[in-house]
Amino acid sequence: MCTDPIKTDPDFYSVVFENERVRVLEYRDHPGDRTSMHGHPDMVIIPLSTFRRRLTLEDGRTIEVEKQAHDAGWVPATAHAGENIGDTDSHSLFVELK
């Protein structure tokens, strides 16, 4: 897996809780902001705002994702770089499984 997002993008990610079973990250960005390539283990995403993102995967493929506020969902382990392609700030919590 790629580098920890806390190390690659500390301006966007922060750890809000961690124990031996989970780590909870808070993520905030603005339209046009981009993250570096990084990885996440299996996790649950909890969007606190509605947002649109373009994800670039390790193999170079891109996908666009739109999430509605409070529409929690499962995300399998992944590595990607992201870009806020919407016109609103994004704010999410990630519950990463260990």
PDB file of N, CA and C in Angstrom:
ATOM      1  N   MET A   1       0.846  -1.178   0.000  1.00  0.00           N
ATOM      2  CA  MET A   1       0.000   0.000   0.000  1.00  0.00           C
ATOM      3  C   MET A   1       0.889   1.239   0.000  1.00  0.00           C
ATOM      4  N   CYS A   2       0.389   2.295  -0.576  1.00  0.00           N
ATOM      5  CA  CYS A   2       1.118   3.565  -0.641  1.00  0.00           C
ATOM      6  C   CYS A   2       1.229   4.204   0.735  1.00  0.00           C
ATOM      7  N   THR A   3       1.805   5.323   0.746  1.00  0.00           N
ATOM      8  CA  THR A   3       2.092   6.059   1.969  1.00  0.00           C
ATOM      9  C   THR A   3       0.821   6.501   2.696  1.00  0.00           C
ATOM     10  N   ASP A   4       0.940   6.594   3.991  1.00  0.00           N
ATOM     11  CA  ASP A   4      -0.114   7.048   4.884  1.00  0.00           C
ATOM     12  C   ASP A   4      -0.517   8.485   4.524  1.00  0.00           C
ATOM     13  N   PRO A   5      -1.825   8.759   4.369  1.00  0.00           N
ATOM     14  CA  PRO A   5      -2.256  10.116   4.005  1.00  0.00           C
ATOM     15  C   PRO A   5      -1.913  11.170   5.056  1.00  0.00           C
ATOM     16  N   ILE A   6      -1.746  10.762   6.286  1.00  0.00           N
ATOM     17  CA  ILE A   6      -1.322  11.713   7.326  1.00  0.00           C
ATOM     18  C   ILE A   6       0.078  12.243   7.009  1.00  0.00           C
ATOM     19  N   LYS A   7       0.907  11.402   6.381  1.00  0.00           N
ATOM     20  CA  LYS A   7       2.267  11.814   6.016  1.00  0.00           C
ATOM     21  C   LYS A   7       2.299  12.560   4.686  1.00  0.00           C
ATOM     22  N   THR A   8       1.493  12.111   3.708  1.00  0.00           N
ATOM     23  CA  THR A   8       1.529  12.732   2.383  1.00  0.00           C
ATOM     24  C   THR A   8       0.768  14.046   2.329  1.00  0.00           C
ATOM     25  N   ASP A   9      -0.310  14.160   3.101  1.00  0.00           N
ATOM     26  CA  ASP A   9      -1.194  15.325   3.007  1.00  0.00           C
ATOM     27  C   ASP A   9      -1.669  15.813   4.380  1.00  0.00           C
ATOM     28  N   PRO A  10      -0.735  16.220   5.250  1.00  0.00           N
ATOM     29  CA  PRO A  10      -1.126  16.636   6.599  1.00  0.00           C
ATOM     30  C   PRO A  10      -1.980  17.903   6.627  1.00  0.00           C
ATOM     31  N   ASP A  11      -2.014  18.665   5.538  1.00  0.00           N
ATOM     32  CA  ASP A  11      -2.868  19.852   5.498  1.00  0.00           C
ATOM     33  C   ASP A  11      -4.340  19.483   5.331  1.00  0.00           C
ATOM     34  N   PHE A  12      -4.609  18.252   4.863  1.00  0.00           N
ATOM     35  CA  PHE A  12      -5.986  17.821   4.607  1.00  0.00           C
ATOM     36  C   PHE A  12      -6.492  16.792   5.616  1.00  0.00           C
ATOM     37  N   TYR A  13      -5.616  15.927   6.103  1.00  0.00           N
ATOM     38  CA  TYR A  13      -6.001  14.823   6.986  1.00  0.00           C
ATOM     39  C   TYR A  13      -5.509  15.049   8.405  1.00  0.00           C
ATOM     40  N   SER A  14      -6.326  14.646   9.375  1.00  0.00           N
ATOM     41  CA  SER A  14      -5.882  14.623  10.771  1.00  0.00           C
ATOM     42  C   SER A  14      -6.485  13.402  11.455  1.00  0.00           C
ATOM     43  N   VAL A  15      -5.765  12.878  12.433  1.00  0.00           N
ATOM     44  CA  VAL A  15      -6.252  11.736  13.213  1.00  0.00           C
ATOM     45  C   VAL A  15      -7.104  12.296  14.346  1.00  0.00           C
ATOM     46  N   VAL A  16      -8.371  11.844  14.418  1.00  0.00           N
ATOM     47  CA  VAL A  16      -9.247  12.315  15.502  1.00  0.00           C
ATOM     48  C   VAL A  16      -9.482  11.243  16.559  1.00  0.00           C
ATOM     49  N   PHE A  17      -9.138   9.983  16.237  1.00  0.00           N
ATOM     50  CA  PHE A  17      -9.237   8.886  17.209  1.00  0.00           C
ATOM     51  C   PHE A  17      -8.445   7.713  16.672  1.00  0.00           C
ATOM     52  N   GLU A  18      -7.803   6.964  17.587  1.00  0.00           N
ATOM     53  CA  GLU A  18      -7.100   5.755  17.175  1.00  0.00           C
ATOM     54  C   GLU A  18      -6.995   4.818  18.359  1.00  0.00           C
ATOM     55  N   ASN A  19      -7.199   3.529  18.095  1.00  0.00           N
ATOM     56  CA  ASN A  19      -6.925   2.478  19.073  1.00  0.00           C
ATOM     57  C   ASN A  19      -6.386   1.270  18.321  1.00  0.00           C
ATOM     58  N   GLU A  20      -6.349   0.113  18.957  1.00  0.00           N
ATOM     59  CA  GLU A  20      -5.761  -1.074  18.320  1.00  0.00           C
ATOM     60  C   GLU A  20      -6.635  -1.642  17.195  1.00  0.00           C
ATOM     61  N   ARG A  21      -7.878  -1.175  17.045  1.00  0.00           N
ATOM     62  CA  ARG A  21      -8.785  -1.756  16.044  1.00  0.00           C
ATOM     63  C   ARG A  21      -9.149  -0.821  14.900  1.00  0.00           C
ATOM     64  N   VAL A  22      -9.180   0.502  15.161  1.00  0.00           N
ATOM     65  CA  VAL A  22      -9.554   1.469  14.127  1.00  0.00           C
ATOM     66  C   VAL A  22      -8.719   2.735  14.253  1.00  0.00           C
ATOM     67  N   ARG A  23      -8.707   3.487  13.157  1.00  0.00           N
ATOM     68  CA  ARG A  23      -8.179   4.842  13.164  1.00  0.00           C
ATOM     69  C   ARG A  23      -9.217   5.705  12.450  1.00  0.00           C
ATOM     70  N   VAL A  24      -9.570   6.816  13.056  1.00  0.00           N
ATOM     71  CA  VAL A  24     -10.549   7.718  12.460  1.00  0.00           C
ATOM     72  C   VAL A  24      -9.818   8.969  11.988  1.00  0.00           C
ATOM     73  N   LEU A  25      -9.958   9.249  10.683  1.00  0.00           N
ATOM     74  CA  LEU A  25      -9.346  10.429  10.084  1.00  0.00           C
ATOM     75  C   LEU A  25     -10.418  11.447   9.750  1.00  0.00           C
ATOM     76  N   GLU A  26     -10.104  12.713   9.948  1.00  0.00           N
ATOM     77  CA  GLU A  26     -10.954  13.793   9.453  1.00  0.00           C
ATOM     78  C   GLU A  26     -10.271  14.366   8.221  1.00  0.00           C
ATOM     79  N   TYR A  27     -11.074  14.629   7.185  1.00  0.00           N
ATOM     80  CA  TYR A  27     -10.548  15.169   5.935  1.00  0.00           C
ATOM     81  C   TYR A  27     -11.323  16.432   5.578  1.00  0.00           C
ATOM     82  N   ARG A  28     -10.582  17.479   5.220  1.00  0.00           N
ATOM     83  CA  ARG A  28     -11.192  18.736   4.763  1.00  0.00           C
ATOM     84  C   ARG A  28     -10.379  19.279   3.594  1.00  0.00           C
ATOM     85  N   ASP A  29     -11.092  19.763   2.557  1.00  0.00           N
ATOM     86  CA  ASP A  29     -10.408  20.457   1.475  1.00  0.00           C
ATOM     87  C   ASP A  29     -11.341  21.459   0.816  1.00  0.00           C
ATOM     88  N   HIS A  30     -10.806  22.179  -0.173  1.00  0.00           N
ATOM     89  CA  HIS A  30     -11.529  23.225  -0.896  1.00  0.00           C
ATOM     90  C   HIS A  30     -11.546  22.866  -2.390  1.00  0.00           C
ATOM     91  N   PRO A  31     -12.463  23.455  -3.166  1.00  0.00           N
ATOM     92  CA  PRO A  31     -12.478  23.189  -4.604  1.00  0.00           C
ATOM     93  C   PRO A  31     -11.097  23.426  -5.228  1.00  0.00           C
ATOM     94  N   GLY A  32     -10.683  22.480  -6.062  1.00  0.00           N
ATOM     95  CA  GLY A  32      -9.384  22.570  -6.727  1.00  0.00           C
ATOM     96  C   GLY A  32      -8.240  21.935  -5.962  1.00  0.00           C
ATOM     97  N   ASP A  33      -8.410  21.660  -4.675  1.00  0.00           N
ATOM     98  CA  ASP A  33      -7.339  21.034  -3.891  1.00  0.00           C
ATOM     99  C   ASP A  33      -7.085  19.613  -4.391  1.00  0.00           C
ATOM    100  N   ARG A  34      -5.813  19.183  -4.314  1.00  0.00           N
ATOM    101  CA  ARG A  34      -5.398  17.846  -4.745  1.00  0.00           C
ATOM    102  C   ARG A  34      -4.560  17.184  -3.665  1.00  0.00           C
ATOM    103  N   THR A  35      -4.718  15.876  -3.540  1.00  0.00           N
ATOM    104  CA  THR A  35      -3.878  15.113  -2.618  1.00  0.00           C
ATOM    105  C   THR A  35      -2.801  14.380  -3.405  1.00  0.00           C
ATOM    106  N   SER A  36      -1.761  13.981  -2.707  1.00  0.00           N
ATOM    107  CA  SER A  36      -0.712  13.135  -3.277  1.00  0.00           C
ATOM    108  C   SER A  36      -1.198  11.692  -3.291  1.00  0.00           C
ATOM    109  N   MET A  37      -0.510  10.848  -4.030  1.00  0.00           N
ATOM    110  CA  MET A  37      -0.835   9.419  -4.031  1.00  0.00           C
ATOM    111  C   MET A  37      -0.650   8.893  -2.606  1.00  0.00           C
ATOM    112  N   HIS A  38      -1.660   8.176  -2.116  1.00  0.00           N
ATOM    113  CA  HIS A  38      -1.632   7.630  -0.756  1.00  0.00           C
ATOM    114  C   HIS A  38      -2.552   6.421  -0.700  1.00  0.00           C
ATOM    115  N   GLY A  39      -2.532   5.706   0.414  1.00  0.00           N
ATOM    116  CA  GLY A  39      -3.358   4.510   0.539  1.00  0.00           C
ATOM    117  C   GLY A  39      -4.185   4.503   1.809  1.00  0.00           C
ATOM    118  N   HIS A  40      -5.283   3.746   1.738  1.00  0.00           N
ATOM    119  CA  HIS A  40      -6.157   3.517   2.893  1.00  0.00           C
ATOM    120  C   HIS A  40      -6.421   2.019   3.002  1.00  0.00           C
ATOM    121  N   PRO A  41      -6.514   1.484   4.207  1.00  0.00           N
ATOM    122  CA  PRO A  41      -6.995   0.112   4.373  1.00  0.00           C
ATOM    123  C   PRO A  41      -8.523   0.105   4.193  1.00  0.00           C
ATOM    124  N   ASP A  42      -9.154  -1.071   4.318  1.00  0.00           N
ATOM    125  CA  ASP A  42     -10.616  -1.118   4.309  1.00  0.00           C
ATOM    126  C   ASP A  42     -11.139  -0.077   5.283  1.00  0.00           C
ATOM    127  N   MET A  43     -12.231   0.608   4.886  1.00  0.00           N
ATOM    128  CA  MET A  43     -12.731   1.682   5.745  1.00  0.00           C
ATOM    129  C   MET A  43     -14.193   1.984   5.461  1.00  0.00           C
ATOM    130  N   VAL A  44     -14.773   2.765   6.362  1.00  0.00           N
ATOM    131  CA  VAL A  44     -16.097   3.346   6.185  1.00  0.00           C
ATOM    132  C   VAL A  44     -15.896   4.843   6.012  1.00  0.00           C
ATOM    133  N   ILE A  45     -16.515   5.419   4.961  1.00  0.00           N
ATOM    134  CA  ILE A  45     -16.477   6.860   4.771  1.00  0.00           C
ATOM    135  C   ILE A  45     -17.788   7.447   5.270  1.00  0.00           C
ATOM    136  N   ILE A  46     -17.691   8.561   5.968  1.00  0.00           N
ATOM    137  CA  ILE A  46     -18.865   9.289   6.449  1.00  0.00           C
ATOM    138  C   ILE A  46     -18.726  10.729   5.947  1.00  0.00           C
ATOM    139  N   PRO A  47     -19.343  11.048   4.807  1.00  0.00           N
ATOM    140  CA  PRO A  47     -19.260  12.418   4.306  1.00  0.00           C
ATOM    141  C   PRO A  47     -20.075  13.357   5.189  1.00  0.00           C
ATOM    142  N   LEU A  48     -19.470  14.420   5.636  1.00  0.00           N
ATOM    143  CA  LEU A  48     -20.170  15.418   6.439  1.00  0.00           C
ATOM    144  C   LEU A  48     -20.650  16.572   5.569  1.00  0.00           C
ATOM    145  N   SER A  49     -20.238  16.563   4.296  1.00  0.00           N
ATOM    146  CA  SER A  49     -20.720  17.515   3.304  1.00  0.00           C
ATOM    147  C   SER A  49     -20.852  16.767   1.977  1.00  0.00           C
ATOM    148  N   THR A  50     -21.637  17.316   1.087  1.00  0.00           N
ATOM    149  CA  THR A  50     -21.767  16.760  -0.260  1.00  0.00           C
ATOM    150  C   THR A  50     -20.545  17.208  -1.062  1.00  0.00           C
ATOM    151  N   PHE A  51     -19.970  16.283  -1.869  1.00  0.00           N
ATOM    152  CA  PHE A  51     -18.781  16.647  -2.630  1.00  0.00           C
ATOM    153  C   PHE A  51     -18.665  15.843  -3.913  1.00  0.00           C
ATOM    154  N   ARG A  52     -17.809  16.354  -4.819  1.00  0.00           N
ATOM    155  CA  ARG A  52     -17.433  15.651  -6.057  1.00  0.00           C
ATOM    156  C   ARG A  52     -15.914  15.585  -6.098  1.00  0.00           C
ATOM    157  N   ARG A  53     -15.393  14.377  -6.435  1.00  0.00           N
ATOM    158  CA  ARG A  53     -13.946  14.170  -6.490  1.00  0.00           C
ATOM    159  C   ARG A  53     -13.570  13.362  -7.725  1.00  0.00           C
ATOM    160  N   ARG A  54     -12.371  13.611  -8.211  1.00  0.00           N
ATOM    161  CA  ARG A  54     -11.763  12.751  -9.229  1.00  0.00           C
ATOM    162  C   ARG A  54     -10.635  12.011  -8.538  1.00  0.00           C
ATOM    163  N   LEU A  55     -10.685  10.681  -8.611  1.00  0.00           N
ATOM    164  CA  LEU A  55      -9.646   9.841  -8.028  1.00  0.00           C
ATOM    165  C   LEU A  55      -8.785   9.278  -9.140  1.00  0.00           C
ATOM    166  N   THR A  56      -7.484   9.380  -8.991  1.00  0.00           N
ATOM    167  CA  THR A  56      -6.537   8.755  -9.908  1.00  0.00           C
ATOM    168  C   THR A  56      -5.949   7.559  -9.183  1.00  0.00           C
ATOM    169  N   LEU A  57      -6.183   6.371  -9.754  1.00  0.00           N
ATOM    170  CA  LEU A  57      -5.725   5.135  -9.125  1.00  0.00           C
ATOM    171  C   LEU A  57      -4.269   4.877  -9.464  1.00  0.00           C
ATOM    172  N   GLU A  58      -3.674   3.927  -8.762  1.00  0.00           N
ATOM    173  CA  GLU A  58      -2.245   3.615  -8.968  1.00  0.00           C
ATOM    174  C   GLU A  58      -1.922   3.252 -10.409  1.00  0.00           C
ATOM    175  N   ASP A  59      -2.866   2.625 -11.114  1.00  0.00           N
ATOM    176  CA  ASP A  59      -2.610   2.209 -12.498  1.00  0.00           C
ATOM    177  C   ASP A  59      -2.886   3.317 -13.508  1.00  0.00           C
ATOM    178  N   GLY A  60      -3.230   4.521 -13.022  1.00  0.00           N
ATOM    179  CA  GLY A  60      -3.450   5.656 -13.898  1.00  0.00           C
ATOM    180  C   GLY A  60      -4.901   5.892 -14.293  1.00  0.00           C
ATOM    181  N   ARG A  61      -5.772   4.915 -14.044  1.00  0.00           N
ATOM    182  CA  ARG A  61      -7.194   5.111 -14.353  1.00  0.00           C
ATOM    183  C   ARG A  61      -7.765   6.199 -13.451  1.00  0.00           C
ATOM    184  N   THR A  62      -8.783   6.919 -13.943  1.00  0.00           N
ATOM    185  CA  THR A  62      -9.456   7.920 -13.127  1.00  0.00           C
ATOM    186  C   THR A  62     -10.932   7.573 -13.018  1.00  0.00           C
ATOM    187  N   ILE A  63     -11.497   7.902 -11.871  1.00  0.00           N
ATOM    188  CA  ILE A  63     -12.934   7.748 -11.667  1.00  0.00           C
ATOM    189  C   ILE A  63     -13.435   9.003 -10.965  1.00  0.00           C
ATOM    190  N   GLU A  64     -14.686   9.357 -11.245  1.00  0.00           N
ATOM    191  CA  GLU A  64     -15.304  10.483 -10.559  1.00  0.00           C
ATOM    192  C   GLU A  64     -16.312   9.957  -9.566  1.00  0.00           C
ATOM    193  N   VAL A  65     -16.310  10.563  -8.385  1.00  0.00           N
ATOM    194  CA  VAL A  65     -17.154  10.127  -7.282  1.00  0.00           C
ATOM    195  C   VAL A  65     -17.938  11.330  -6.777  1.00  0.00           C
ATOM    196  N   GLU A  66     -19.227  11.121  -6.551  1.00  0.00           N
ATOM    197  CA  GLU A  66     -20.038  12.133  -5.897  1.00  0.00           C
ATOM    198  C   GLU A  66     -20.693  11.500  -4.691  1.00  0.00           C
ATOM    199  N   LYS A  67     -20.552  12.130  -3.546  1.00  0.00           N
ATOM    200  CA  LYS A  67     -21.145  11.621  -2.306  1.00  0.00           C
ATOM    201  C   LYS A  67     -22.028  12.703  -1.706  1.00  0.00           C
ATOM    202  N   GLN A  68     -23.142  12.254  -1.153  1.00  0.00           N
ATOM    203  CA  GLN A  68     -24.059  13.152  -0.457  1.00  0.00           C
ATOM    204  C   GLN A  68     -23.708  13.180   1.034  1.00  0.00           C
ATOM    205  N   ALA A  69     -23.930  14.307   1.658  1.00  0.00           N
ATOM    206  CA  ALA A  69     -23.673  14.432   3.089  1.00  0.00           C
ATOM    207  C   ALA A  69     -24.421  13.346   3.845  1.00  0.00           C
ATOM    208  N   HIS A  70     -23.730  12.704   4.761  1.00  0.00           N
ATOM    209  CA  HIS A  70     -24.269  11.684   5.676  1.00  0.00           C
ATOM    210  C   HIS A  70     -24.609  10.360   4.984  1.00  0.00           C
ATOM    211  N   ASP A  71     -24.199  10.179   3.727  1.00  0.00           N
ATOM    212  CA  ASP A  71     -24.423   8.925   3.003  1.00  0.00           C
ATOM    213  C   ASP A  71     -23.209   8.025   3.220  1.00  0.00           C
ATOM    214  N   ALA A  72     -23.131   7.435   4.418  1.00  0.00           N
ATOM    215  CA  ALA A  72     -21.981   6.601   4.783  1.00  0.00           C
ATOM    216  C   ALA A  72     -21.892   5.391   3.869  1.00  0.00           C
ATOM    217  N   GLY A  73     -20.663   4.909   3.657  1.00  0.00           N
ATOM    218  CA  GLY A  73     -20.486   3.743   2.799  1.00  0.00           C
ATOM    219  C   GLY A  73     -19.170   3.045   3.031  1.00  0.00           C
ATOM    220  N   TRP A  74     -19.109   1.813   2.576  1.00  0.00           N
ATOM    221  CA  TRP A  74     -17.928   0.956   2.674  1.00  0.00           C
ATOM    222  C   TRP A  74     -16.990   1.249   1.517  1.00  0.00           C
ATOM    223  N   VAL A  75     -15.692   1.305   1.806  1.00  0.00           N
ATOM    224  CA  VAL A  75     -14.671   1.491   0.772  1.00  0.00           C
ATOM    225  C   VAL A  75     -13.588   0.439   0.998  1.00  0.00           C
ATOM    226  N   PRO A  76     -13.397  -0.486   0.030  1.00  0.00           N
ATOM    227  CA  PRO A  76     -12.321  -1.467   0.193  1.00  0.00           C
ATOM    228  C   PRO A  76     -10.951  -0.784   0.109  1.00  0.00           C
ATOM    229  N   ALA A  77      -9.936  -1.455   0.617  1.00  0.00           N
ATOM    230  CA  ALA A  77      -8.572  -0.916   0.596  1.00  0.00           C
ATOM    231  C   ALA A  77      -8.246  -0.381  -0.790  1.00  0.00           C
ATOM    232  N   THR A  78      -7.624   0.790  -0.817  1.00  0.00           N
ATOM    233  CA  THR A  78      -7.350   1.446  -2.091  1.00  0.00           C
ATOM    234  C   THR A  78      -6.147   2.366  -1.966  1.00  0.00           C
ATOM    235  N   ALA A  79      -5.552   2.662  -3.105  1.00  0.00           N
ATOM    236  CA  ALA A  79      -4.509   3.682  -3.198  1.00  0.00           C
ATOM    237  C   ALA A  79      -4.905   4.618  -4.325  1.00  0.00           C
ATOM    238  N   HIS A  80      -4.777   5.915  -4.101  1.00  0.00           N
ATOM    239  CA  HIS A  80      -5.211   6.894  -5.084  1.00  0.00           C
ATOM    240  C   HIS A  80      -4.669   8.281  -4.728  1.00  0.00           C
ATOM    241  N   ALA A  81      -4.796   9.186  -5.684  1.00  0.00           N
ATOM    242  CA  ALA A  81      -4.652  10.621  -5.454  1.00  0.00           C
ATOM    243  C   ALA A  81      -6.020  11.202  -5.750  1.00  0.00           C
ATOM    244  N   GLY A  82      -6.395  12.283  -5.068  1.00  0.00           N
ATOM    245  CA  GLY A  82      -7.723  12.844  -5.253  1.00  0.00           C
ATOM    246  C   GLY A  82      -7.680  14.322  -5.569  1.00  0.00           C
ATOM    247  N   GLU A  83      -8.770  14.777  -6.213  1.00  0.00           N
ATOM    248  CA  GLU A  83      -8.919  16.189  -6.540  1.00  0.00           C
ATOM    249  C   GLU A  83     -10.371  16.584  -6.308  1.00  0.00           C
ATOM    250  N   ASN A  84     -10.579  17.681  -5.600  1.00  0.00           N
ATOM    251  CA  ASN A  84     -11.920  18.215  -5.393  1.00  0.00           C
ATOM    252  C   ASN A  84     -12.330  18.915  -6.681  1.00  0.00           C
ATOM    253  N   ILE A  85     -13.240  18.295  -7.452  1.00  0.00           N
ATOM    254  CA  ILE A  85     -13.682  18.857  -8.730  1.00  0.00           C
ATOM    255  C   ILE A  85     -15.046  19.528  -8.604  1.00  0.00           C
ATOM    256  N   GLY A  86     -15.551  19.631  -7.396  1.00  0.00           N
ATOM    257  CA  GLY A  86     -16.829  20.282  -7.171  1.00  0.00           C
ATOM    258  C   GLY A  86     -16.658  21.766  -6.914  1.00  0.00           C
ATOM    259  N   ASP A  87     -17.753  22.400  -6.525  1.00  0.00           N
ATOM    260  CA  ASP A  87     -17.698  23.821  -6.220  1.00  0.00           C
ATOM    261  C   ASP A  87     -17.958  24.094  -4.740  1.00  0.00           C
ATOM    262  N   THR A  88     -17.785  23.049  -3.928  1.00  0.00           N
ATOM    263  CA  THR A  88     -17.953  23.187  -2.478  1.00  0.00           C
ATOM    264  C   THR A  88     -16.772  22.553  -1.754  1.00  0.00           C
ATOM    265  N   ASP A  89     -16.549  22.989  -0.528  1.00  0.00           N
ATOM    266  CA  ASP A  89     -15.562  22.340   0.332  1.00  0.00           C
ATOM    267  C   ASP A  89     -16.025  20.914   0.601  1.00  0.00           C
ATOM    268  N   SER A  90     -15.084  20.024   0.844  1.00  0.00           N
ATOM    269  CA  SER A  90     -15.468  18.675   1.279  1.00  0.00           C
ATOM    270  C   SER A  90     -14.982  18.458   2.707  1.00  0.00           C
ATOM    271  N   HIS A  91     -15.785  17.675   3.442  1.00  0.00           N
ATOM    272  CA  HIS A  91     -15.499  17.384   4.847  1.00  0.00           C
ATOM    273  C   HIS A  91     -16.013  15.975   5.106  1.00  0.00           C
ATOM    274  N   SER A  92     -15.127  15.070   5.506  1.00  0.00           N
ATOM    275  CA  SER A  92     -15.490  13.668   5.722  1.00  0.00           C
ATOM    276  C   SER A  92     -14.731  13.093   6.899  1.00  0.00           C
ATOM    277  N   LEU A  93     -15.291  12.010   7.425  1.00  0.00           N
ATOM    278  CA  LEU A  93     -14.591  11.164   8.385  1.00  0.00           C
ATOM    279  C   LEU A  93     -14.351   9.815   7.725  1.00  0.00           C
ATOM    280  N   PHE A  94     -13.170   9.240   7.966  1.00  0.00           N
ATOM    281  CA  PHE A  94     -12.824   7.910   7.474  1.00  0.00           C
ATOM    282  C   PHE A  94     -12.538   7.032   8.681  1.00  0.00           C
ATOM    283  N   VAL A  95     -13.253   5.930   8.802  1.00  0.00           N
ATOM    284  CA  VAL A  95     -13.020   4.972   9.874  1.00  0.00           C
ATOM    285  C   VAL A  95     -12.241   3.820   9.267  1.00  0.00           C
ATOM    286  N   GLU A  96     -10.926   3.850   9.415  1.00  0.00           N
ATOM    287  CA  GLU A  96     -10.047   2.831   8.834  1.00  0.00           C
ATOM    288  C   GLU A  96      -9.928   1.645   9.774  1.00  0.00           C
ATOM    289  N   LEU A  97     -10.082   0.450   9.217  1.00  0.00           N
ATOM    290  CA  LEU A  97      -9.954  -0.776  10.003  1.00  0.00           C
ATOM    291  C   LEU A  97      -8.495  -1.203  10.044  1.00  0.00           C
ATOM    292  N   LYS A  98      -8.091  -1.760  11.183  1.00  0.00           N
ATOM    293  CA  LYS A  98      -6.711  -2.257  11.312  1.00  0.00           C
ATOM    294  C   LYS A  98      -6.699  -3.758  11.238  1.00  0.00           C
TER     295      LYS A  98
END
